[in-house]
């Protein structure tokens, strides 16, 4: 993947790895936090949490609807709950369960979908989530967050627990360009302006933020100044 290299962006960890590390840190800070996974913790990186806090980590197996149901039940008992799987399995397989058991009752469940988009390449189309953002944003009461890089994925993981209610965060498999080399101020419900421009605005999220910065640089060379917003 060459996104961002033409403008000198360095590559950092995959957002899934940054999420896993931040989740492990949160586990030490919050004894009420429990994490569930659908038997792909080695890929979603929830295994980082599971190895540190095995008594608060539950692998429900390859059963995404059950994963969501258990998460909802734990939230109903007062736990801070995060449930993860591949984005395509979580959103496509368990959509009705999410709708009925998490969205409508406003359960305090944070869902994280890994291996999103088409950037997973060799895993093939059955593993690619191309509908997950559309499905998540159509759910009532849901907050949806799509971090662009390693620093923003760490910040977004913490931001998930800054509010009560359901949320979905999208993470990816490949290493991604770092667009927040000096750190990120990530506030839920807001966007970050990464570049000023008088002629047009490009709005992106996730991996496409680096692509937007690259496009803005190319347009600038043609005399077109474009503002870039990270609408995470």
Protein backbone atom coordinates (compact mmCIF):
# COMPACT_ATOMS: atom_id res chain seq x y z
CA UNK A 1 0.00 0.00 0.00
CA UNK A 2 1.45 3.35 -1.06
CA UNK A 3 -1.13 5.80 0.32
CA UNK A 4 0.52 8.88 1.82
CA UNK A 5 4.08 7.97 0.84
CA UNK A 6 4.22 10.66 -1.85
CA UNK A 7 3.77 13.34 0.82
CA UNK A 8 6.21 11.77 3.26
CA UNK A 9 3.79 10.20 5.73
CA UNK A 10 5.37 7.52 7.90
CA UNK A 11 3.55 4.27 8.52
CA UNK A 12 2.51 3.26 12.02
CA UNK A 13 0.78 0.28 13.56
CA UNK A 14 -2.48 -1.05 12.14
CA UNK A 15 -5.44 0.55 13.87
CA UNK A 16 -6.43 -2.88 15.23
CA UNK A 17 -3.09 -3.14 17.06
CA UNK A 18 -3.36 0.37 18.48
CA UNK A 19 -6.89 -0.46 19.64
CA UNK A 20 -5.70 -3.66 21.32
CA UNK A 21 -2.93 -1.88 23.19
CA UNK A 22 -5.24 0.93 24.34
CA UNK A 23 -7.84 -1.62 25.44
CA UNK A 24 -5.26 -3.43 27.54
CA UNK A 25 -4.35 -0.13 29.22
CA UNK A 26 -8.02 0.59 29.92
CA UNK A 27 -8.34 -2.85 31.52
CA UNK A 28 -5.84 -1.85 34.17
CA UNK A 29 -7.65 1.42 34.82
CA UNK A 30 -11.21 0.10 34.84
CA UNK A 31 -11.93 -3.12 36.77
CA UNK A 32 -15.55 -2.98 35.55
CA UNK A 33 -14.52 -3.42 31.90
CA UNK A 34 -15.27 -6.78 30.29
CA UNK A 35 -14.34 -7.80 26.74
CA UNK A 36 -15.95 -10.38 24.45
CA UNK A 37 -14.74 -11.78 21.15
CA UNK A 38 -16.05 -14.12 18.47
CA UNK A 39 -13.04 -16.45 18.37
CA UNK A 40 -10.87 -14.01 16.39
CA UNK A 41 -9.11 -12.26 19.29
CA UNK A 42 -5.72 -12.96 17.70
CA UNK A 43 -6.88 -10.86 14.73
CA UNK A 44 -9.00 -8.18 16.41
CA UNK A 45 -6.21 -7.83 19.05
CA UNK A 46 -8.58 -8.23 21.99
CA UNK A 47 -6.17 -11.01 22.93
CA UNK A 48 -3.93 -8.29 24.43
CA UNK A 49 -6.66 -7.65 27.01
CA UNK A 50 -7.47 -11.34 27.38
CA UNK A 51 -3.91 -12.31 28.31
CA UNK A 52 -3.77 -9.62 31.01
CA UNK A 53 -7.28 -10.05 32.38
CA UNK A 54 -8.49 -13.59 31.57
CA UNK A 55 -11.25 -13.44 34.19
CA UNK A 56 -12.82 -10.51 32.33
CA UNK A 57 -12.41 -11.86 28.80
CA UNK A 58 -15.00 -14.11 27.15
CA UNK A 59 -14.62 -15.93 23.84
CA UNK A 60 -18.13 -16.90 22.75
CA UNK A 61 -16.96 -18.69 19.62
CA UNK A 62 -17.99 -18.17 16.01
CA UNK A 63 -21.50 -17.03 16.93
CA UNK A 64 -21.83 -13.30 16.40
CA UNK A 65 -25.51 -12.99 17.32
CA UNK A 66 -24.79 -14.77 20.61
CA UNK A 67 -21.79 -12.49 21.09
CA UNK A 68 -24.05 -9.45 20.91
CA UNK A 69 -26.69 -11.01 23.14
CA UNK A 70 -24.17 -11.83 25.86
CA UNK A 71 -22.70 -8.32 25.57
CA UNK A 72 -26.15 -6.79 26.01
CA UNK A 73 -26.81 -8.96 29.06
CA UNK A 74 -23.51 -7.98 30.69
CA UNK A 75 -24.24 -4.31 30.00
CA UNK A 76 -27.64 -4.78 31.61
CA UNK A 77 -25.92 -6.09 34.73
CA UNK A 78 -23.87 -2.91 34.98
CA UNK A 79 -20.62 -3.87 33.24
CA UNK A 80 -18.70 -1.68 30.81
CA UNK A 81 -18.75 -3.95 27.77
CA UNK A 82 -16.74 -4.14 24.57
CA UNK A 83 -17.41 -6.84 21.98
CA UNK A 84 -15.26 -7.39 18.89
CA UNK A 85 -15.12 -9.48 15.74
CA UNK A 86 -14.43 -8.94 12.06
CA UNK A 87 -16.56 -5.98 10.97
CA UNK A 88 -18.30 -8.01 8.26
CA UNK A 89 -19.26 -10.78 10.69
CA UNK A 90 -20.33 -8.42 13.43
CA UNK A 91 -22.46 -6.05 11.37
CA UNK A 92 -23.76 -8.34 8.63
CA UNK A 93 -24.29 -11.54 10.65
CA UNK A 94 -25.55 -9.99 13.88
CA UNK A 95 -27.34 -6.87 12.62
CA UNK A 96 -30.79 -7.77 13.92
CA UNK A 97 -29.40 -8.74 17.32
CA UNK A 98 -27.52 -5.43 17.50
CA UNK A 99 -30.67 -3.55 16.48
CA UNK A 100 -32.93 -5.23 19.02
CA UNK A 101 -30.59 -5.91 21.96
CA UNK A 102 -28.22 -2.93 21.80
CA UNK A 103 -29.55 -0.06 19.68
CA UNK A 104 -33.19 0.20 20.73
CA UNK A 105 -32.58 -0.32 24.48
CA UNK A 106 -29.51 1.97 24.34
CA UNK A 107 -27.35 -0.69 25.94
CA UNK A 108 -23.91 0.49 26.99
CA UNK A 109 -22.14 -1.84 24.56
CA UNK A 110 -19.15 -0.80 22.48
CA UNK A 111 -18.69 -2.84 19.29
CA UNK A 112 -15.39 -2.96 17.42
CA UNK A 113 -15.20 -4.33 13.89
CA UNK A 114 -11.75 -5.27 12.63
CA UNK A 115 -10.52 -6.16 9.11
CA UNK A 116 -12.77 -3.53 7.57
CA UNK A 117 -12.92 -2.34 3.99
CA UNK A 118 -11.17 -3.81 0.96
CA UNK A 119 -7.64 -3.19 2.23
CA UNK A 120 -7.38 -6.72 3.67
CA UNK A 121 -6.72 -7.84 0.10
CA UNK A 122 -5.73 -11.49 0.12
CA UNK A 123 -8.35 -12.43 2.72
CA UNK A 124 -10.92 -12.20 -0.05
CA UNK A 125 -14.37 -10.63 -0.44
CA UNK A 126 -16.11 -12.83 2.12
CA UNK A 127 -14.00 -11.20 4.84
CA UNK A 128 -14.34 -7.61 3.58
CA UNK A 129 -16.72 -5.24 5.32
CA UNK A 130 -17.94 -2.72 2.78
CA UNK A 131 -21.36 -2.21 4.37
CA UNK A 132 -20.40 -1.86 8.04
CA UNK A 133 -20.36 1.95 8.27
CA UNK A 134 -23.68 2.25 6.43
CA UNK A 135 -25.28 -0.37 8.68
CA UNK A 136 -23.87 1.08 11.89
CA UNK A 137 -24.91 4.65 11.10
CA UNK A 138 -28.44 3.48 10.33
CA UNK A 139 -28.87 2.12 13.86
CA UNK A 140 -30.77 4.33 16.32
CA UNK A 141 -28.81 5.75 19.27
CA UNK A 142 -25.45 4.60 17.84
CA UNK A 143 -22.21 6.56 17.81
CA UNK A 144 -19.86 5.49 15.00
CA UNK A 145 -16.10 6.22 15.06
CA UNK A 146 -13.57 5.48 12.30
CA UNK A 147 -10.00 6.37 13.35
CA UNK A 148 -7.49 7.25 10.64
CA UNK A 149 -4.22 6.04 12.13
CA UNK A 150 -2.42 4.60 15.13
CA UNK A 151 -2.62 7.69 17.41
CA UNK A 152 -6.29 8.33 16.63
CA UNK A 153 -7.17 4.65 17.17
CA UNK A 154 -5.69 4.83 20.67
CA UNK A 155 -7.61 8.04 21.37
CA UNK A 156 -10.81 6.64 19.86
CA UNK A 157 -10.66 3.51 22.03
CA UNK A 158 -10.59 5.69 25.11
CA UNK A 159 -13.28 7.97 23.67
CA UNK A 160 -15.63 4.98 23.37
CA UNK A 161 -15.87 4.92 27.15
CA UNK A 162 -16.28 8.67 27.59
CA UNK A 163 -20.05 8.38 27.11
CA UNK A 164 -22.92 6.05 27.93
CA UNK A 165 -24.67 4.18 25.14
CA UNK A 166 -23.99 2.01 22.11
CA UNK A 167 -21.12 2.63 19.71
CA UNK A 168 -19.30 1.02 16.79
CA UNK A 169 -15.63 1.56 15.99
CA UNK A 170 -14.03 0.40 12.77
CA UNK A 171 -10.42 -0.84 12.72
CA UNK A 172 -8.24 -2.26 9.97
CA UNK A 173 -5.66 -4.92 9.29
CA UNK A 174 -2.80 -3.18 7.41
CA UNK A 175 -0.28 -0.67 8.69
CA UNK A 176 -1.52 2.83 7.94
CA UNK A 177 0.06 6.27 7.44
CA UNK A 178 0.34 8.43 10.54
CA UNK A 179 -1.55 11.67 9.97
CA UNK A 180 -1.35 12.74 13.63
CA UNK A 181 2.39 12.64 14.18
CA UNK A 182 2.14 15.21 17.00
CA UNK A 183 -0.83 13.61 18.71
CA UNK A 184 -4.55 13.98 18.26
CA UNK A 185 -7.36 15.84 20.01
CA UNK A 186 -10.28 13.52 19.34
CA UNK A 187 -13.69 14.60 20.57
CA UNK A 188 -16.77 12.49 19.83
CA UNK A 189 -19.13 14.34 17.50
CA UNK A 190 -16.52 16.66 16.01
CA UNK A 191 -14.15 16.61 13.04
CA UNK A 192 -10.49 17.63 12.85
CA UNK A 193 -9.22 20.10 10.24
CA UNK A 194 -5.89 18.81 8.94
CA UNK A 195 -5.33 21.28 6.11
CA UNK A 196 -6.66 24.70 5.19
CA UNK A 197 -8.01 25.45 1.71
CA UNK A 198 -10.04 28.16 0.03
CA UNK A 199 -11.30 26.34 -3.07
CA UNK A 200 -12.91 23.12 -1.88
CA UNK A 201 -13.15 20.68 1.01
CA UNK A 202 -12.40 16.96 1.06
CA UNK A 203 -13.97 15.04 3.94
CA UNK A 204 -12.60 11.60 4.76
CA UNK A 205 -12.42 8.99 7.50
CA UNK A 206 -10.17 6.06 8.22
CA UNK A 207 -7.57 5.18 5.61
CA UNK A 208 -9.03 7.72 3.20
CA UNK A 209 -7.83 10.65 5.34
CA UNK A 210 -4.25 10.04 4.23
CA UNK A 211 -5.51 9.65 0.66
CA UNK A 212 -7.33 12.98 0.99
CA UNK A 213 -4.15 14.71 2.17
CA UNK A 214 -2.30 13.20 -0.78
CA UNK A 215 -4.99 14.42 -3.18
CA UNK A 216 -4.90 17.90 -1.62
CA UNK A 217 -1.15 18.08 -2.12
CA UNK A 218 -1.52 17.06 -5.75
CA UNK A 219 -4.23 19.68 -6.32
CA UNK A 220 -2.12 22.33 -4.64
CA UNK A 221 0.55 21.79 -7.26
CA UNK A 222 -2.10 22.77 -9.82
CA UNK A 223 -3.09 25.91 -7.93
CA UNK A 224 -6.18 24.45 -6.25
CA UNK A 225 -6.13 24.80 -2.47
CA UNK A 226 -8.27 22.19 -0.71
CA UNK A 227 -9.24 21.94 2.93
CA UNK A 228 -9.09 18.42 4.44
CA UNK A 229 -11.30 17.26 7.31
CA UNK A 230 -10.93 14.02 9.23
CA UNK A 231 -14.59 13.23 9.95
CA UNK A 232 -13.89 10.34 12.28
